[in-house]
């Protein structure tokens, strides 16, 4: 009896480890925890990643796919819920383009400023964006990046207004709480 119980426990443990080792996380709410290799935790790499993102964003043919491609799954899902609520309620929660900080644009552009607070899982990246090529004062934007899978993904966008940064994630969460 005791031997049967030990074998049963061993079989259950083996099955549980097998699911975990095979990456079977279906039905769980645990986020994928990954860490950036040290060569991806540099100012230069993050500047290149921002260039890749904006190269995609500023391409009119691909633009509509940018959020899903470069947002973390969590941030993308949060934005989608807000857009659904906006459509259903008629209330305006998202009123401008978060990549260029404008509603309309003509020759939009960006300039990488810096990356900071870089560690194995998160980083901050600052860019100045112009919705129009003749815009005198570019908008300062701070991205919270999260290393997810195999690269840095956007987990929050904060726009600066009068010296204070305003988090889109926080605004989205507040909109859903109303």
N, C-alpha and C. Protein backbone atom coordinates (compact mmCIF):
# COMPACT_ATOMS: atom_id res chain seq x y z
N UNK A 1 0.82 -1.20 0.00
CA UNK A 1 0.00 0.00 0.00
C UNK A 1 0.87 1.26 0.00
N UNK A 2 1.86 1.24 0.89
CA UNK A 2 2.76 2.40 0.99
C UNK A 2 3.53 2.60 -0.31
N UNK A 3 3.97 1.49 -0.90
CA UNK A 3 4.72 1.54 -2.16
C UNK A 3 3.84 2.11 -3.28
N UNK A 4 2.57 1.71 -3.31
CA UNK A 4 1.63 2.21 -4.31
C UNK A 4 1.41 3.71 -4.15
N UNK A 5 1.30 4.15 -2.91
CA UNK A 5 1.10 5.58 -2.63
C UNK A 5 2.32 6.39 -3.08
N UNK A 6 3.52 5.87 -2.80
CA UNK A 6 4.75 6.56 -3.22
C UNK A 6 4.84 6.63 -4.75
N UNK A 7 4.49 5.53 -5.42
CA UNK A 7 4.51 5.52 -6.88
C UNK A 7 3.49 6.50 -7.45
N UNK A 8 2.32 6.57 -6.83
CA UNK A 8 1.29 7.50 -7.27
C UNK A 8 1.77 8.95 -7.11
N UNK A 9 2.36 9.27 -5.96
CA UNK A 9 2.90 10.62 -5.73
C UNK A 9 3.99 10.96 -6.74
N UNK A 10 4.86 9.99 -7.02
CA UNK A 10 5.93 10.21 -7.98
C UNK A 10 5.35 10.47 -9.37
N UNK A 11 4.33 9.71 -9.75
CA UNK A 11 3.71 9.89 -11.06
C UNK A 11 3.06 11.26 -11.19
N UNK A 12 2.39 11.71 -10.13
CA UNK A 12 1.75 13.03 -10.15
C UNK A 12 2.81 14.12 -10.25
N UNK A 13 3.89 13.98 -9.47
CA UNK A 13 4.98 14.97 -9.52
C UNK A 13 5.61 15.02 -10.91
N UNK A 14 5.84 13.84 -11.50
CA UNK A 14 6.42 13.79 -12.83
C UNK A 14 5.51 14.46 -13.85
N UNK A 15 4.21 14.20 -13.75
CA UNK A 15 3.25 14.81 -14.69
C UNK A 15 3.24 16.32 -14.54
N UNK A 16 3.27 16.80 -13.32
CA UNK A 16 3.28 18.25 -13.09
C UNK A 16 4.54 18.88 -13.64
N UNK A 17 5.69 18.24 -13.42
CA UNK A 17 6.95 18.78 -13.94
C UNK A 17 6.96 18.74 -15.46
N UNK A 18 6.38 17.71 -16.04
CA UNK A 18 6.33 17.58 -17.48
C UNK A 18 5.56 18.73 -18.11
N UNK A 19 4.43 19.09 -17.53
CA UNK A 19 3.64 20.22 -18.05
C UNK A 19 4.44 21.50 -17.97
N UNK A 20 5.12 21.72 -16.86
CA UNK A 20 5.88 22.94 -16.66
C UNK A 20 7.05 23.02 -17.63
N UNK A 21 7.74 21.88 -17.82
CA UNK A 21 8.91 21.88 -18.69
C UNK A 21 8.53 22.06 -20.15
N UNK A 22 7.35 21.60 -20.53
CA UNK A 22 6.92 21.73 -21.91
C UNK A 22 6.30 23.08 -22.20
N UNK A 23 6.31 23.98 -21.22
CA UNK A 23 5.77 25.31 -21.44
C UNK A 23 4.27 25.35 -21.46
N UNK A 24 3.60 24.33 -20.99
CA UNK A 24 2.15 24.28 -21.00
C UNK A 24 1.62 25.16 -19.87
N UNK A 25 1.26 26.38 -20.21
CA UNK A 25 0.73 27.29 -19.21
C UNK A 25 -0.70 27.67 -19.55
N UNK A 26 -1.32 26.91 -20.44
CA UNK A 26 -2.69 27.21 -20.84
C UNK A 26 -3.60 27.20 -19.62
N UNK A 27 -4.39 28.23 -19.52
CA UNK A 27 -5.31 28.32 -18.41
C UNK A 27 -4.73 28.97 -17.18
N UNK A 28 -3.48 29.39 -17.22
CA UNK A 28 -2.89 30.06 -16.06
C UNK A 28 -2.80 31.54 -16.33
N UNK A 29 -2.76 32.30 -15.27
CA UNK A 29 -2.64 33.75 -15.40
C UNK A 29 -1.23 34.23 -15.14
N UNK A 30 -0.29 33.31 -15.01
CA UNK A 30 1.08 33.69 -14.72
C UNK A 30 1.72 34.31 -15.96
N UNK A 31 2.29 35.52 -15.83
CA UNK A 31 2.97 36.11 -16.97
C UNK A 31 4.30 35.40 -17.23
N UNK A 32 4.72 35.44 -18.46
CA UNK A 32 6.01 34.87 -18.81
C UNK A 32 7.10 35.75 -18.20
N UNK A 33 7.95 35.15 -17.41
CA UNK A 33 9.04 35.89 -16.79
C UNK A 33 10.31 35.61 -17.57
N UNK A 34 10.85 36.65 -18.15
CA UNK A 34 12.08 36.51 -18.89
C UNK A 34 13.03 37.61 -18.48
N UNK A 35 14.29 37.39 -18.72
CA UNK A 35 15.30 38.38 -18.42
C UNK A 35 16.13 38.63 -19.66
N UNK A 36 16.44 39.89 -19.87
CA UNK A 36 17.25 40.27 -21.02
C UNK A 36 18.70 39.85 -20.78
N UNK A 37 19.31 39.26 -21.79
CA UNK A 37 20.75 38.99 -21.67
C UNK A 37 21.49 40.33 -21.52
N UNK A 38 22.64 40.31 -20.92
CA UNK A 38 23.36 41.56 -20.64
C UNK A 38 23.64 42.38 -21.90
N UNK A 39 23.84 41.74 -23.05
CA UNK A 39 24.11 42.50 -24.28
C UNK A 39 22.88 43.25 -24.79
N UNK A 40 21.68 42.94 -24.27
CA UNK A 40 20.46 43.65 -24.65
C UNK A 40 20.06 44.68 -23.60
N UNK A 41 20.87 44.82 -22.56
CA UNK A 41 20.61 45.77 -21.49
C UNK A 41 21.51 47.00 -21.65
N UNK A 42 21.60 47.50 -22.86
CA UNK A 42 22.49 48.64 -23.12
C UNK A 42 21.71 49.79 -23.75
N UNK A 43 22.24 50.97 -23.58
CA UNK A 43 21.69 52.18 -24.19
C UNK A 43 21.60 51.99 -25.72
N UNK A 44 22.65 51.44 -26.29
CA UNK A 44 22.72 51.27 -27.74
C UNK A 44 21.66 50.30 -28.24
N UNK A 45 21.48 49.18 -27.52
CA UNK A 45 20.49 48.21 -27.97
C UNK A 45 19.09 48.79 -27.88
N UNK A 46 18.79 49.45 -26.78
CA UNK A 46 17.45 50.02 -26.61
C UNK A 46 17.21 51.13 -27.63
N UNK A 47 18.22 51.92 -27.94
CA UNK A 47 18.07 52.92 -29.00
C UNK A 47 17.74 52.24 -30.33
N UNK A 48 18.40 51.14 -30.61
CA UNK A 48 18.10 50.38 -31.83
C UNK A 48 16.70 49.80 -31.82
N UNK A 49 16.25 49.35 -30.66
CA UNK A 49 14.89 48.80 -30.56
C UNK A 49 13.85 49.90 -30.80
N UNK A 50 14.07 51.08 -30.24
CA UNK A 50 13.17 52.21 -30.47
C UNK A 50 13.18 52.57 -31.96
N UNK A 51 14.34 52.54 -32.59
CA UNK A 51 14.43 52.82 -34.03
C UNK A 51 13.63 51.78 -34.82
N UNK A 52 13.70 50.52 -34.40
CA UNK A 52 12.93 49.46 -35.06
C UNK A 52 11.43 49.73 -34.90
N UNK A 53 11.01 50.08 -33.69
CA UNK A 53 9.60 50.35 -33.42
C UNK A 53 9.11 51.51 -34.27
N UNK A 54 9.84 52.63 -34.24
CA UNK A 54 9.39 53.79 -35.00
C UNK A 54 9.53 53.60 -36.51
N UNK A 55 10.48 52.78 -36.94
CA UNK A 55 10.56 52.44 -38.36
C UNK A 55 9.28 51.76 -38.81
N UNK A 56 8.73 50.94 -37.96
CA UNK A 56 7.48 50.25 -38.23
C UNK A 56 6.30 51.21 -38.10
N UNK A 57 6.27 51.98 -37.01
CA UNK A 57 5.16 52.90 -36.73
C UNK A 57 5.01 53.95 -37.84
N UNK A 58 6.12 54.48 -38.31
CA UNK A 58 6.06 55.55 -39.31
C UNK A 58 5.85 55.04 -40.72
N UNK A 59 5.75 53.74 -40.89
CA UNK A 59 5.44 53.13 -42.18
C UNK A 59 3.92 53.03 -42.29
N UNK A 60 3.33 53.84 -43.13
CA UNK A 60 1.87 53.91 -43.24
C UNK A 60 1.21 52.57 -43.54
N UNK A 61 1.90 51.70 -44.26
CA UNK A 61 1.31 50.41 -44.62
C UNK A 61 1.23 49.45 -43.43
N UNK A 62 2.13 49.59 -42.48
CA UNK A 62 2.18 48.67 -41.35
C UNK A 62 1.62 49.27 -40.07
N UNK A 63 1.39 50.55 -40.06
CA UNK A 63 1.07 51.29 -38.85
C UNK A 63 0.00 50.64 -37.97
N UNK A 64 -1.07 50.15 -38.57
CA UNK A 64 -2.18 49.63 -37.78
C UNK A 64 -1.82 48.38 -36.98
N UNK A 65 -0.71 47.75 -37.31
CA UNK A 65 -0.28 46.54 -36.61
C UNK A 65 0.71 46.84 -35.48
N UNK A 66 1.12 48.08 -35.32
CA UNK A 66 2.20 48.43 -34.39
C UNK A 66 1.88 48.11 -32.94
N UNK A 67 0.68 48.45 -32.48
CA UNK A 67 0.35 48.21 -31.08
C UNK A 67 0.45 46.74 -30.72
N UNK A 68 -0.17 45.90 -31.51
CA UNK A 68 -0.15 44.48 -31.23
C UNK A 68 1.26 43.90 -31.34
N UNK A 69 2.04 44.44 -32.24
CA UNK A 69 3.41 43.94 -32.46
C UNK A 69 4.38 44.37 -31.36
N UNK A 70 4.22 45.59 -30.82
CA UNK A 70 5.23 46.13 -29.91
C UNK A 70 4.77 46.35 -28.48
N UNK A 71 3.49 46.19 -28.18
CA UNK A 71 3.00 46.29 -26.80
C UNK A 71 3.11 44.92 -26.15
N UNK A 72 3.30 44.91 -24.82
CA UNK A 72 3.19 43.64 -24.10
C UNK A 72 1.75 43.17 -24.28
N UNK A 73 1.53 41.89 -24.14
CA UNK A 73 0.17 41.35 -24.28
C UNK A 73 -0.78 42.01 -23.29
N UNK A 74 -0.29 42.24 -22.08
CA UNK A 74 -1.11 42.85 -21.03
C UNK A 74 -1.51 44.28 -21.38
N UNK A 75 -0.55 45.07 -21.84
CA UNK A 75 -0.83 46.47 -22.18
C UNK A 75 -1.75 46.55 -23.40
N UNK A 76 -1.52 45.68 -24.38
CA UNK A 76 -2.38 45.66 -25.57
C UNK A 76 -3.81 45.28 -25.19
N UNK A 77 -3.97 44.26 -24.34
CA UNK A 77 -5.31 43.83 -23.91
C UNK A 77 -6.02 44.94 -23.14
N UNK A 78 -5.27 45.65 -22.31
CA UNK A 78 -5.85 46.76 -21.54
C UNK A 78 -6.35 47.85 -22.48
N UNK A 79 -5.55 48.21 -23.46
CA UNK A 79 -5.97 49.23 -24.43
C UNK A 79 -7.19 48.77 -25.22
N UNK A 80 -7.22 47.52 -25.61
CA UNK A 80 -8.36 46.99 -26.37
C UNK A 80 -9.65 47.06 -25.55
N UNK A 81 -9.57 46.77 -24.27
CA UNK A 81 -10.75 46.87 -23.39
C UNK A 81 -11.25 48.31 -23.32
N UNK A 82 -10.32 49.25 -23.26
CA UNK A 82 -10.71 50.67 -23.21
C UNK A 82 -11.36 51.07 -24.53
N UNK A 83 -10.82 50.63 -25.64
CA UNK A 83 -11.41 50.95 -26.94
C UNK A 83 -12.81 50.35 -27.07
N UNK A 84 -13.00 49.14 -26.56
CA UNK A 84 -14.33 48.53 -26.58
C UNK A 84 -15.31 49.34 -25.74
N UNK A 85 -14.87 49.76 -24.55
CA UNK A 85 -15.73 50.56 -23.68
C UNK A 85 -16.04 51.90 -24.32
N UNK A 86 -15.04 52.48 -24.98
CA UNK A 86 -15.23 53.75 -25.67
C UNK A 86 -16.28 53.62 -26.76
N UNK A 87 -16.18 52.55 -27.52
CA UNK A 87 -17.13 52.32 -28.61
C UNK A 87 -18.55 52.09 -28.07
N UNK A 88 -18.65 51.31 -27.00
CA UNK A 88 -19.96 50.99 -26.43
C UNK A 88 -20.61 52.19 -25.74
N UNK A 89 -19.80 53.00 -25.06
CA UNK A 89 -20.36 54.10 -24.26
C UNK A 89 -20.43 55.43 -24.99
N UNK A 90 -19.60 55.59 -26.00
CA UNK A 90 -19.52 56.88 -26.69
C UNK A 90 -18.63 57.88 -25.97
N UNK A 91 -18.11 57.50 -24.81
CA UNK A 91 -17.17 58.37 -24.08
C UNK A 91 -15.80 58.29 -24.73
N UNK A 92 -15.11 59.41 -24.79
CA UNK A 92 -13.81 59.46 -25.42
C UNK A 92 -12.71 59.30 -24.38
N UNK A 93 -12.06 58.14 -24.37
CA UNK A 93 -10.97 57.87 -23.44
C UNK A 93 -9.62 57.99 -24.13
N UNK A 94 -9.57 57.60 -25.39
CA UNK A 94 -8.34 57.68 -26.17
C UNK A 94 -8.63 58.63 -27.32
N UNK A 95 -7.97 59.80 -27.29
CA UNK A 95 -8.32 60.82 -28.28
C UNK A 95 -7.17 61.25 -29.19
N UNK A 96 -6.03 60.60 -29.07
CA UNK A 96 -4.93 60.93 -29.97
C UNK A 96 -4.01 59.73 -30.15
N UNK A 97 -3.17 59.83 -31.12
CA UNK A 97 -2.23 58.77 -31.45
C UNK A 97 -1.09 58.78 -30.43
N UNK A 98 -0.91 57.69 -29.72
CA UNK A 98 0.09 57.61 -28.66
C UNK A 98 1.52 57.50 -29.18
N UNK A 99 1.70 57.19 -30.44
CA UNK A 99 3.07 57.11 -30.98
C UNK A 99 3.60 58.49 -31.35
N UNK A 100 2.70 59.37 -31.81
CA UNK A 100 3.15 60.70 -32.24
C UNK A 100 2.55 61.83 -31.40
N UNK A 101 1.69 61.49 -30.45
CA UNK A 101 1.05 62.46 -29.57
C UNK A 101 0.29 63.52 -30.36
N UNK A 102 -0.49 63.07 -31.31
CA UNK A 102 -1.31 63.98 -32.11
C UNK A 102 -2.50 63.26 -32.71
N UNK A 103 -3.44 64.04 -33.22
CA UNK A 103 -4.62 63.45 -33.86
C UNK A 103 -4.42 63.32 -35.37
N UNK A 104 -3.73 64.24 -35.92
CA UNK A 104 -3.40 64.22 -37.34
C UNK A 104 -1.90 64.35 -37.47
N UNK A 105 -1.39 64.06 -38.64
CA UNK A 105 0.06 64.21 -38.79
C UNK A 105 0.43 64.52 -40.24
N UNK A 106 1.61 65.06 -40.37
CA UNK A 106 2.22 65.31 -41.66
C UNK A 106 3.71 65.13 -41.48
N UNK A 107 4.25 64.11 -42.10
CA UNK A 107 5.67 63.76 -41.94
C UNK A 107 6.07 63.63 -40.47
N UNK A 108 5.40 62.76 -39.71
CA UNK A 108 5.77 62.59 -38.30
C UNK A 108 7.19 62.06 -38.17
N UNK A 109 7.81 62.36 -37.03
CA UNK A 109 9.18 61.92 -36.80
C UNK A 109 9.41 61.71 -35.31
N UNK A 110 10.52 61.09 -35.00
CA UNK A 110 10.90 60.88 -33.61
C UNK A 110 12.40 61.09 -33.49
N UNK A 111 12.84 61.35 -32.27
CA UNK A 111 14.27 61.46 -31.97
C UNK A 111 14.49 60.74 -30.64
N UNK A 112 15.37 59.78 -30.64
CA UNK A 112 15.70 59.07 -29.41
C UNK A 112 16.47 60.03 -28.49
N UNK A 113 16.10 60.07 -27.22
CA UNK A 113 16.76 60.94 -26.26
C UNK A 113 17.72 60.13 -25.39
N UNK A 114 17.18 59.14 -24.69
CA UNK A 114 18.03 58.31 -23.82
C UNK A 114 17.24 57.12 -23.30
N UNK A 115 17.99 56.18 -22.75
CA UNK A 115 17.41 55.07 -22.01
C UNK A 115 18.01 55.12 -20.61
N UNK A 116 17.20 54.72 -19.63
CA UNK A 116 17.71 54.71 -18.25
C UNK A 116 17.00 53.63 -17.46
N UNK A 117 17.45 53.45 -16.23
CA UNK A 117 16.87 52.44 -15.34
C UNK A 117 16.81 51.07 -16.02
N UNK A 118 17.85 50.73 -16.73
CA UNK A 118 17.89 49.47 -17.47
C UNK A 118 18.31 48.35 -16.52
N UNK A 119 17.49 47.32 -16.47
CA UNK A 119 17.87 46.11 -15.74
C UNK A 119 17.44 44.91 -16.57
N UNK A 120 17.50 43.73 -16.02
CA UNK A 120 17.21 42.52 -16.79
C UNK A 120 15.76 42.39 -17.23
N UNK A 121 14.84 43.12 -16.56
CA UNK A 121 13.43 42.96 -16.91
C UNK A 121 12.75 44.23 -17.39
N UNK A 122 13.23 45.41 -17.00
CA UNK A 122 12.56 46.66 -17.39
C UNK A 122 13.58 47.73 -17.75
N UNK A 123 13.09 48.72 -18.46
CA UNK A 123 13.91 49.88 -18.83
C UNK A 123 12.97 51.03 -19.16
N UNK A 124 13.50 52.22 -19.16
CA UNK A 124 12.76 53.41 -19.59
C UNK A 124 13.48 53.97 -20.81
N UNK A 125 12.70 54.39 -21.80
CA UNK A 125 13.26 55.00 -23.00
C UNK A 125 12.52 56.30 -23.25
N UNK A 126 13.26 57.36 -23.56
CA UNK A 126 12.69 58.67 -23.81
C UNK A 126 12.88 59.03 -25.28
N UNK A 127 11.81 59.54 -25.88
CA UNK A 127 11.87 60.01 -27.26
C UNK A 127 11.15 61.35 -27.36
N UNK A 128 11.55 62.13 -28.34
CA UNK A 128 10.81 63.34 -28.69
C UNK A 128 10.12 63.03 -30.00
N UNK A 129 8.83 63.34 -30.07
CA UNK A 129 8.07 63.05 -31.28
C UNK A 129 7.43 64.32 -31.82
N UNK A 130 7.34 64.35 -33.14
CA UNK A 130 6.65 65.45 -33.83
C UNK A 130 5.58 64.84 -34.71
N UNK A 131 4.38 65.35 -34.59
CA UNK A 131 3.29 64.91 -35.47
C UNK A 131 3.40 65.60 -36.83
N UNK A 132 4.00 66.80 -36.84
CA UNK A 132 4.17 67.58 -38.07
C UNK A 132 5.63 67.96 -38.23
N UNK A 133 6.11 67.96 -39.46
CA UNK A 133 7.51 68.29 -39.67
C UNK A 133 7.88 69.71 -39.26
N UNK A 134 6.90 70.63 -39.25
CA UNK A 134 7.21 72.01 -38.85
C UNK A 134 6.82 72.31 -37.40
N UNK A 135 6.55 71.28 -36.63
CA UNK A 135 6.20 71.45 -35.21
C UNK A 135 7.42 71.98 -34.45
N UNK A 136 7.25 73.10 -33.78
CA UNK A 136 8.38 73.73 -33.08
C UNK A 136 8.78 72.99 -31.81
N UNK A 137 7.81 72.56 -31.03
CA UNK A 137 8.11 71.90 -29.75
C UNK A 137 7.69 70.43 -29.79
N UNK A 138 8.65 69.54 -29.97
CA UNK A 138 8.29 68.12 -29.98
C UNK A 138 7.78 67.69 -28.61
N UNK A 139 6.95 66.66 -28.59
CA UNK A 139 6.43 66.10 -27.34
C UNK A 139 7.44 65.10 -26.79
N UNK A 140 7.65 65.15 -25.49
CA UNK A 140 8.54 64.19 -24.83
C UNK A 140 7.69 63.01 -24.35
N UNK A 141 8.13 61.82 -24.70
CA UNK A 141 7.41 60.60 -24.36
C UNK A 141 8.37 59.66 -23.65
N UNK A 142 7.87 59.03 -22.58
CA UNK A 142 8.67 58.03 -21.86
C UNK A 142 7.98 56.68 -22.00
N UNK A 143 8.71 55.71 -22.51
CA UNK A 143 8.21 54.35 -22.65
C UNK A 143 8.73 53.50 -21.50
N UNK A 144 7.85 52.76 -20.87
CA UNK A 144 8.28 51.72 -19.95
C UNK A 144 8.39 50.47 -20.79
N UNK A 145 9.58 49.93 -20.86
CA UNK A 145 9.82 48.72 -21.64
C UNK A 145 9.94 47.54 -20.70
N UNK A 146 9.45 46.42 -21.16
CA UNK A 146 9.53 45.18 -20.40
C UNK A 146 10.13 44.13 -21.31
N UNK A 147 11.13 43.43 -20.80
CA UNK A 147 11.70 42.37 -21.62
C UNK A 147 10.75 41.20 -21.58
N UNK A 148 10.27 40.80 -22.75
CA UNK A 148 9.22 39.80 -22.84
C UNK A 148 9.54 38.87 -23.99
N UNK A 149 9.77 37.62 -23.68
CA UNK A 149 10.09 36.66 -24.74
C UNK A 149 11.52 36.80 -25.19
N UNK A 150 11.73 37.58 -26.25
CA UNK A 150 13.09 37.73 -26.76
C UNK A 150 13.47 39.17 -27.08
N UNK A 151 12.63 40.14 -26.65
CA UNK A 151 12.98 41.53 -26.92
C UNK A 151 12.21 42.47 -26.00
N UNK A 152 12.55 43.73 -26.07
CA UNK A 152 11.89 44.76 -25.27
C UNK A 152 10.55 45.11 -25.90
N UNK A 153 9.50 45.13 -25.06
CA UNK A 153 8.15 45.47 -25.51
C UNK A 153 7.66 46.66 -24.68
N UNK A 154 6.76 47.45 -25.24
CA UNK A 154 6.21 48.62 -24.56
C UNK A 154 5.13 48.15 -23.58
N UNK A 155 5.32 48.51 -22.30
CA UNK A 155 4.37 48.13 -21.25
C UNK A 155 3.63 49.34 -20.69
N UNK A 156 4.04 50.54 -21.08
CA UNK A 156 3.33 51.77 -20.73
C UNK A 156 3.91 52.89 -21.57
N UNK A 157 3.08 53.87 -21.85
CA UNK A 157 3.49 55.09 -22.54
C UNK A 157 3.11 56.24 -21.62
N UNK A 158 4.07 57.10 -21.38
CA UNK A 158 3.81 58.27 -20.54
C UNK A 158 4.13 59.51 -21.36
N UNK A 159 3.16 60.39 -21.45
CA UNK A 159 3.41 61.63 -22.17
C UNK A 159 3.62 62.76 -21.17
N UNK A 160 4.56 63.62 -21.52
CA UNK A 160 4.87 64.73 -20.63
C UNK A 160 3.97 65.92 -20.95
N UNK A 161 3.44 66.53 -19.91
CA UNK A 161 2.65 67.74 -20.05
C UNK A 161 3.00 68.65 -18.90
N UNK A 162 3.54 69.81 -19.23
CA UNK A 162 3.93 70.81 -18.24
C UNK A 162 4.81 70.22 -17.15
N UNK A 163 5.80 69.43 -17.55
CA UNK A 163 6.78 68.90 -16.62
C UNK A 163 6.38 67.63 -15.88
N UNK A 164 5.18 67.12 -16.11
CA UNK A 164 4.71 65.91 -15.44
C UNK A 164 4.39 64.84 -16.47
N UNK A 165 4.77 63.62 -16.18
CA UNK A 165 4.45 62.51 -17.07
C UNK A 165 3.13 61.88 -16.66
N UNK A 166 2.29 61.59 -17.67
CA UNK A 166 0.98 60.98 -17.46
C UNK A 166 0.98 59.60 -18.10
N UNK A 167 0.69 58.59 -17.28
CA UNK A 167 0.73 57.20 -17.70
C UNK A 167 -0.54 56.81 -18.44
N UNK A 168 -0.37 56.26 -19.63
CA UNK A 168 -1.53 55.74 -20.36
C UNK A 168 -2.10 54.52 -19.65
N UNK A 169 -1.24 53.68 -19.10
CA UNK A 169 -1.72 52.50 -18.37
C UNK A 169 -2.66 52.94 -17.24
N UNK A 170 -2.24 53.94 -16.49
CA UNK A 170 -3.06 54.41 -15.37
C UNK A 170 -4.38 55.01 -15.89
N UNK A 171 -4.30 55.78 -16.97
CA UNK A 171 -5.52 56.35 -17.54
C UNK A 171 -6.46 55.25 -18.03
N UNK A 172 -5.92 54.21 -18.64
CA UNK A 172 -6.75 53.10 -19.12
C UNK A 172 -7.41 52.39 -17.94
N UNK A 173 -6.63 52.12 -16.90
CA UNK A 173 -7.18 51.43 -15.73
C UNK A 173 -8.28 52.26 -15.08
N UNK A 174 -8.08 53.58 -15.00
CA UNK A 174 -9.11 54.46 -14.42
C UNK A 174 -10.37 54.49 -15.29
N UNK A 175 -10.19 54.47 -16.60
CA UNK A 175 -11.34 54.47 -17.51
C UNK A 175 -12.17 53.20 -17.32
N UNK A 176 -11.50 52.07 -17.13
CA UNK A 176 -12.22 50.81 -16.95
C UNK A 176 -12.87 50.71 -15.58
N UNK A 177 -12.34 51.46 -14.62
CA UNK A 177 -12.91 51.43 -13.26
C UNK A 177 -14.16 52.29 -13.13
N UNK A 178 -14.40 53.20 -14.07
CA UNK A 178 -15.57 54.09 -14.01
C UNK A 178 -16.86 53.32 -14.10
